[in-house]
Protein backbone atom coordinates (compact mmCIF):
# COMPACT_ATOMS: atom_id res chain seq x y z
CA MET A 1 -9.84 44.48 3.98
CA ALA A 2 -12.95 45.58 6.29
CA LYS A 3 -10.49 49.30 6.32
CA GLU A 4 -10.14 49.07 2.61
CA ALA A 5 -13.66 48.22 1.29
CA GLY A 6 -14.62 50.51 3.77
CA VAL A 7 -17.45 47.49 5.61
CA SER A 8 -17.56 46.04 8.58
CA VAL A 9 -15.27 42.55 10.08
CA ALA A 10 -19.03 40.83 9.28
CA THR A 11 -19.82 41.95 6.16
CA VAL A 12 -16.36 41.29 4.70
CA SER A 13 -16.77 37.68 6.32
CA ARG A 14 -20.12 37.31 4.93
CA VAL A 15 -18.77 38.40 1.15
CA ILE A 16 -15.60 35.61 1.57
CA ASN A 17 -17.77 32.30 2.95
CA LYS A 18 -21.05 33.61 1.10
CA LYS A 19 -23.47 33.29 3.33
CA GLY A 20 -25.81 36.32 4.01
CA VAL A 21 -27.29 38.85 1.46
CA CYS A 22 -25.08 42.06 0.67
CA SER A 23 -25.42 44.34 -1.59
CA LYS A 24 -23.43 44.11 -5.26
CA ASP A 25 -21.88 47.26 -4.25
CA THR A 26 -20.31 46.28 -1.12
CA GLU A 27 -19.79 42.40 -2.62
CA GLN A 28 -17.20 44.06 -5.41
CA ALA A 29 -16.16 46.28 -2.16
CA VAL A 30 -15.34 43.63 -0.73
CA LEU A 31 -14.11 41.27 -3.12
CA SER A 32 -11.72 44.40 -5.21
CA ALA A 33 -10.43 44.64 -1.65
CA VAL A 34 -9.31 41.36 -1.96
CA GLU A 35 -7.39 41.60 -5.09
CA LYS A 36 -5.91 44.61 -3.57
CA LEU A 37 -4.64 43.27 -0.45
CA GLY A 38 -3.62 39.56 -2.16
CA TYR A 39 -5.78 37.10 0.29
CA LYS A 40 -5.59 34.11 1.26
CA PRO A 41 -8.11 31.86 3.54
CA ASN A 42 -6.53 29.80 5.96
CA LEU A 43 -8.04 26.97 4.76
CA PHE A 44 -6.40 25.08 8.02
CA GLY A 45 -7.86 27.26 10.17
CA LYS A 46 -11.15 27.15 8.63
CA ALA A 47 -10.91 23.43 8.85
CA LEU A 48 -9.98 23.40 12.36
CA ARG A 49 -12.80 25.45 13.00
CA ARG A 50 -15.23 23.01 11.53
CA SER A 51 -13.33 20.47 13.27
CA GLU A 52 -12.18 18.47 10.02
CA THR A 53 -10.29 19.00 7.78
CA LYS A 54 -11.14 16.95 4.51
CA ILE A 55 -7.49 15.54 4.92
CA ILE A 56 -6.64 11.85 5.09
CA MET A 57 -2.84 10.48 5.74
CA VAL A 58 -1.72 7.46 3.57
CA LEU A 59 1.38 5.91 5.98
CA LEU A 60 4.00 3.61 4.26
CA SER A 61 7.73 2.40 4.53
CA SER A 62 8.90 3.16 0.66
CA LEU A 63 7.62 4.96 -2.27
CA ALA A 64 9.95 3.14 -4.56
CA ASN A 65 6.69 -0.14 -4.01
CA THR A 66 4.97 0.39 -7.66
CA PHE A 67 2.23 -2.21 -6.00
CA CYS A 68 1.81 0.54 -3.17
CA SER A 69 2.00 3.08 -5.61
CA SER A 70 -0.87 2.05 -7.68
CA VAL A 71 -2.79 1.32 -4.29
CA ILE A 72 -1.88 4.77 -3.45
CA ARG A 73 -3.39 6.40 -6.89
CA SER A 74 -6.39 4.80 -6.13
CA ILE A 75 -6.98 6.27 -2.66
CA ASP A 76 -6.83 9.93 -3.91
CA ARG A 77 -8.82 9.07 -6.86
CA ILE A 78 -11.84 7.88 -4.37
CA ALA A 79 -11.07 10.18 -1.77
CA GLY A 80 -10.81 12.84 -4.44
CA MET A 81 -14.53 12.03 -5.62
CA HIS A 82 -15.68 12.05 -1.91
CA GLY A 83 -14.02 16.12 -1.15
CA TYR A 84 -10.98 14.42 0.45
CA TYR A 85 -7.78 15.18 -0.01
CA THR A 86 -4.62 12.61 0.66
CA MET A 87 -1.31 13.42 2.13
CA VAL A 88 0.61 10.26 1.51
CA CYS A 89 4.04 10.23 4.18
CA ALA A 90 6.85 7.30 3.77
CA THR A 91 8.71 6.44 6.73
CA GLU A 92 11.38 4.46 4.96
CA GLY A 93 11.42 2.21 7.53
CA ILE A 94 12.50 5.09 10.62
CA LYS A 95 10.56 4.54 13.76
CA GLU A 96 11.26 8.22 14.45
CA LYS A 97 9.84 9.42 11.14
CA GLU A 98 6.97 7.02 11.50
CA GLU A 99 6.20 8.33 15.04
CA TYR A 100 6.60 11.98 13.63
CA TYR A 101 4.05 11.56 11.02
CA ILE A 102 1.45 9.75 13.75
CA ASN A 103 2.27 12.74 16.58
CA PHE A 104 1.01 14.34 13.38
CA ALA A 105 -1.60 12.72 12.67
CA THR A 106 -3.08 13.26 15.63
CA ASN A 107 -2.77 16.89 16.18
CA GLY A 108 -5.88 17.75 14.12
CA LEU A 109 -4.05 18.02 10.91
CA PHE A 110 -6.01 14.98 9.69
CA ASP A 111 -9.48 13.84 9.15
CA GLY A 112 -8.23 10.49 9.33
CA ILE A 113 -4.68 7.76 8.31
CA ILE A 114 -5.25 4.76 6.21
CA ILE A 115 -1.51 2.90 6.88
CA LEU A 116 -0.30 -0.11 4.22
CA ASN A 117 2.41 -1.28 6.39
CA SER A 118 4.05 0.36 9.76
CA SER A 119 6.18 -0.76 12.56
CA LEU A 120 3.93 -0.33 15.52
CA SER A 121 3.06 -2.95 17.84
CA LYS A 122 -0.37 -4.35 18.04
CA ALA A 123 -1.07 -2.45 21.10
CA GLU A 124 0.53 1.15 20.05
CA MET A 125 -2.02 0.50 16.33
CA SER A 126 -5.03 -0.43 19.44
CA SER A 127 -4.65 2.77 21.00
CA LEU A 128 -3.82 4.90 17.49
CA SER A 129 -7.43 3.95 16.79
CA LYS A 130 -8.27 5.50 19.55
CA THR A 131 -7.38 8.95 19.01
CA ILE A 132 -8.27 9.21 15.14
CA PRO A 133 -9.52 7.31 12.38
CA VAL A 134 -7.71 4.36 11.08
CA VAL A 135 -8.10 1.59 8.49
CA GLN A 136 -4.82 -0.83 7.90
CA CYS A 137 -4.29 -1.58 3.99
CA ASN A 138 -2.65 -4.79 2.61
CA GLU A 139 -0.19 -5.26 5.38
CA TYR A 140 -1.89 -5.11 9.15
CA ILE A 141 -2.45 -6.54 12.43
CA ASP A 142 -5.23 -8.18 13.76
CA THR A 143 -6.80 -5.79 16.03
CA LYS A 144 -10.53 -5.66 17.15
CA ASP A 145 -10.17 -1.67 16.75
CA THR A 146 -9.03 -1.24 13.46
CA PRO A 147 -10.35 -2.43 10.23
CA TYR A 148 -8.18 -3.54 7.43
CA VAL A 149 -8.84 -4.53 3.64
CA SER A 150 -6.16 -7.33 2.61
CA ILE A 151 -6.19 -10.33 0.64
CA ASP A 152 -5.77 -13.89 1.97
CA ASN A 153 -1.88 -14.29 1.54
CA THR A 154 -1.76 -17.51 2.40
CA LYS A 155 -4.06 -19.01 0.01
CA ALA A 156 -2.41 -17.15 -2.41
CA ALA A 157 1.16 -18.21 -2.01
CA TYR A 158 -0.87 -22.00 -1.88
CA ASP A 159 -2.11 -21.53 -5.50
CA ALA A 160 1.40 -20.18 -6.84
CA VAL A 161 2.99 -22.89 -5.38
CA SER A 162 0.31 -25.30 -6.32
CA LEU A 163 0.78 -24.31 -9.98
CA LEU A 164 4.52 -24.90 -9.99
CA ILE A 165 3.70 -28.21 -8.40
CA SER A 166 0.68 -29.35 -10.96
CA ASN A 167 3.93 -28.44 -13.70
CA GLY A 168 6.09 -31.27 -11.93
CA ARG A 169 7.89 -29.07 -10.17
CA ARG A 170 9.24 -30.27 -7.18
CA ARG A 171 12.39 -28.86 -5.67
CA ILE A 172 10.46 -25.08 -5.20
CA VAL A 173 12.88 -22.45 -4.23
CA PHE A 174 11.28 -19.50 -1.68
CA TYR A 175 12.43 -16.29 -2.47
CA THR A 176 11.34 -13.91 1.08
CA ALA A 177 12.36 -11.50 3.29
CA ASP A 178 13.59 -11.46 6.82
CA ASN A 179 10.17 -9.15 8.29
CA ASN A 180 7.49 -10.18 10.95
CA LEU A 181 5.31 -8.71 7.69
CA VAL A 182 1.40 -10.89 7.54
CA SER A 183 2.05 -10.56 4.75
CA THR A 184 5.79 -12.57 4.56
CA LYS A 185 4.22 -14.67 7.23
CA GLY A 186 1.30 -15.30 5.03
CA ARG A 187 2.83 -16.57 2.08
CA PHE A 188 5.57 -18.83 3.88
CA ASP A 189 2.41 -20.14 5.58
CA GLY A 190 0.71 -20.83 1.83
CA TYR A 191 4.20 -22.09 0.45
CA LYS A 192 4.83 -24.91 3.17
CA SER A 193 1.00 -26.38 3.03
CA ALA A 194 1.16 -26.73 -0.72
CA LEU A 195 4.21 -28.65 -0.24
CA ASP A 196 2.60 -30.79 2.72
CA ASP A 197 -0.40 -30.97 0.65
CA ASN A 198 1.18 -33.03 -2.02
CA GLY A 199 3.65 -34.98 -0.21
CA ILE A 200 7.05 -32.44 -0.78
CA PRO A 201 9.52 -32.22 2.39
CA PHE A 202 10.07 -28.97 3.75
CA ASP A 203 13.79 -28.07 2.79
CA GLU A 204 15.11 -25.10 4.89
CA LYS A 205 18.07 -24.82 2.37
CA LEU A 206 15.17 -23.92 -0.46
CA VAL A 207 14.52 -20.56 1.36
CA ILE A 208 16.16 -17.52 0.25
CA TYR A 209 16.24 -13.98 2.03
CA GLY A 210 15.83 -10.50 0.17
CA ASN A 211 14.73 -7.27 0.67
CA TYR A 212 12.06 -6.76 -2.49
CA GLY A 213 13.90 -5.54 -5.00
CA TYR A 214 15.71 -6.46 -8.21
CA ARG A 215 19.22 -5.58 -7.51
CA ASN A 216 19.53 -7.06 -4.06
CA ALA A 217 17.56 -10.26 -5.51
CA VAL A 218 20.33 -10.51 -8.59
CA THR A 219 23.04 -10.63 -5.22
CA GLY A 220 21.41 -12.75 -3.31
CA PHE A 221 20.11 -15.33 -5.73
CA SER A 222 23.84 -14.96 -7.06
CA ASP A 223 25.12 -16.11 -4.23
CA PHE A 224 22.45 -18.65 -3.75
CA LEU A 225 23.44 -20.60 -7.55
CA ASP A 226 27.26 -21.15 -6.79
CA GLN A 227 26.64 -23.35 -3.37
CA GLY A 228 25.23 -25.57 -5.76
CA ILE A 229 21.74 -26.44 -4.25
CA GLU A 230 19.54 -28.70 -6.82
CA PHE A 231 15.86 -27.01 -7.98
CA ASP A 232 13.44 -26.36 -10.30
CA SER A 233 11.30 -23.43 -9.99
CA ILE A 234 11.11 -20.30 -7.50
CA PHE A 235 8.62 -18.48 -5.81
CA ALA A 236 9.29 -15.33 -5.52
CA ILE A 237 6.96 -12.71 -2.90
CA SER A 238 7.35 -9.95 -5.36
CA ASP A 239 7.23 -9.35 -8.93
CA ARG A 240 10.87 -6.98 -8.66
CA MET A 241 12.80 -10.74 -6.70
CA ALA A 242 11.34 -12.53 -9.17
CA ALA A 243 12.65 -10.59 -12.40
CA GLY A 244 16.20 -10.14 -10.27
CA ALA A 245 16.27 -14.11 -9.63
CA MET A 246 15.29 -14.91 -13.96
CA SER A 247 18.19 -12.06 -14.76
CA VAL A 248 20.91 -13.90 -13.05
CA LEU A 249 19.38 -17.83 -14.52
CA GLY A 250 19.53 -15.86 -17.96
CA GLU A 251 22.89 -14.74 -17.64
CA ARG A 252 24.05 -18.85 -16.25
CA GLY A 253 22.81 -19.98 -19.03
CA ILE A 254 19.50 -21.60 -17.54
CA ARG A 255 16.56 -21.79 -19.58
CA VAL A 256 12.70 -19.96 -18.02
CA PRO A 257 10.28 -21.84 -18.60
CA GLU A 258 12.49 -25.39 -19.34
CA ASP A 259 14.78 -25.74 -17.05
CA VAL A 260 13.27 -23.34 -14.14
CA GLU A 261 9.90 -21.48 -13.51
CA ILE A 262 9.27 -18.91 -12.04
CA VAL A 263 6.18 -17.17 -10.34
CA GLY A 264 6.38 -13.73 -8.76
CA PHE A 265 3.90 -11.88 -6.65
CA ASP A 266 2.30 -8.36 -7.27
CA ASN A 267 0.82 -8.25 -11.22
CA THR A 268 3.44 -5.39 -10.92
CA ASP A 269 5.14 -3.53 -14.22
CA ILE A 270 8.08 -5.45 -14.19
CA SER A 271 6.40 -8.83 -14.47
CA TYR A 272 4.99 -7.74 -17.78
CA THR A 273 8.28 -6.25 -19.19
CA SER A 274 10.79 -8.50 -18.13
CA THR A 275 11.67 -11.02 -21.23
CA PRO A 276 10.23 -14.01 -20.71
CA LYS A 277 6.77 -12.04 -18.94
CA ILE A 278 6.77 -13.28 -15.49
CA THR A 279 3.57 -15.66 -13.83
CA THR A 280 2.53 -13.70 -10.98
CA VAL A 281 0.16 -13.53 -8.26
CA ALA A 282 -2.53 -10.11 -9.26
CA GLN A 283 -3.52 -8.89 -5.98
CA PRO A 284 -7.04 -6.07 -7.03
CA HIS A 285 -4.57 -3.04 -6.51
CA HIS A 286 -7.48 -0.51 -7.01
CA ASP A 287 -10.27 -2.22 -5.37
CA LEU A 288 -8.18 -2.44 -1.84
CA GLY A 289 -7.26 1.48 -2.33
CA GLU A 290 -10.92 2.15 -2.44
CA ASN A 291 -12.22 -0.08 0.38
CA ALA A 292 -9.41 1.00 2.36
CA PHE A 293 -11.18 4.78 2.04
CA CYS A 294 -14.28 4.05 1.99
CA GLN A 295 -13.82 2.06 5.21
CA LEU A 296 -12.09 5.50 6.45
CA GLU A 297 -15.09 7.37 5.30
CA ASN A 298 -17.03 4.91 7.53
CA ILE A 299 -14.98 5.64 11.13
CA ILE A 300 -15.69 9.60 9.99
CA SER A 301 -18.74 9.22 10.10
CA GLY A 302 -19.81 7.38 12.67
CA ARG A 303 -21.14 4.27 10.46
CA HIS A 304 -20.35 0.52 10.23
CA THR A 305 -16.86 -1.01 9.65
CA ALA A 306 -15.44 -4.71 8.43
CA ASN A 307 -12.42 -6.34 8.05
CA VAL A 308 -12.23 -6.52 4.03
CA ILE A 309 -10.37 -9.85 2.17
CA LEU A 310 -10.16 -9.65 -1.04
CA SER A 311 -10.01 -11.91 -3.73
CA HIS A 312 -6.50 -12.56 -5.77
CA ARG A 313 -5.92 -14.26 -9.23
CA ILE A 314 -3.14 -16.31 -10.78
CA VAL A 315 -2.19 -14.16 -14.05
CA ARG A 316 -0.09 -16.82 -16.22
CA ARG A 317 2.68 -15.87 -18.28
CA ASP A 318 5.76 -17.05 -20.09
CA SER A 319 7.81 -17.98 -16.54
CA THR A 320 5.45 -21.09 -16.37
CA LYS A 321 4.37 -23.58 -18.57
């Protein structure tokens, strides 16, 4: 471009980066050369020279979860307001894919990572936090090195099950997932605590395992009904699981909420588009995303960070009395 414009390389740099003073004729000559040669700046190279990229990675297992999608939109919105871009990386639960993305992030191409869920161990999470700013959002491993933003899943589940108990329900199915996520454990603890505080014995036969999805819930709950186990209500750890179970009940002629009451979790779109509409535990999607980004920016800027526990609420709809 310098050759095309008949100026020095330093002059081209001053014009492109808008630093320093040049005559209007010189500036126009450089801009004409830029247009003629189709020059595009190497943004990564420029960012790396400044030791920042203004890009953050959002890491999660799947984009199919509408709750996670809402959190990501919130992260992207607040990040954009602060001059950052987001890159979303979904691992599909594949360890090798997760390792690839993390290695990509630690090579200086990102300023930080927000992790919605991962398969990292406590030691791996702590080690990662020493190489790049990391904040955990929604799911987390409790380490002193990595701040997190979440809700109190134990209290949320306790409140949901207590609602069913207050409506006279005592044979409450717990529709959960077979994993080691902190949310799953917390919701199981809350379920059992609510039963215990109300003098209701825990019955392992009322615990069903699924994978958060609707179709899987339809199959799983059909199998459960075929066993003939007595129950009068369902607490599911996702709205899609609740909706799948409710669909099976309708096909079998079992009325909701007259015969069986149902509470879901997350307050996603399926909870208010189903018939009947599903009572659910609402997590603050937007606040989770915004707080996660703000904590990450604090780390990047060398400011104080802290774990954040946000409030949940029960949204009552037609699936409970």
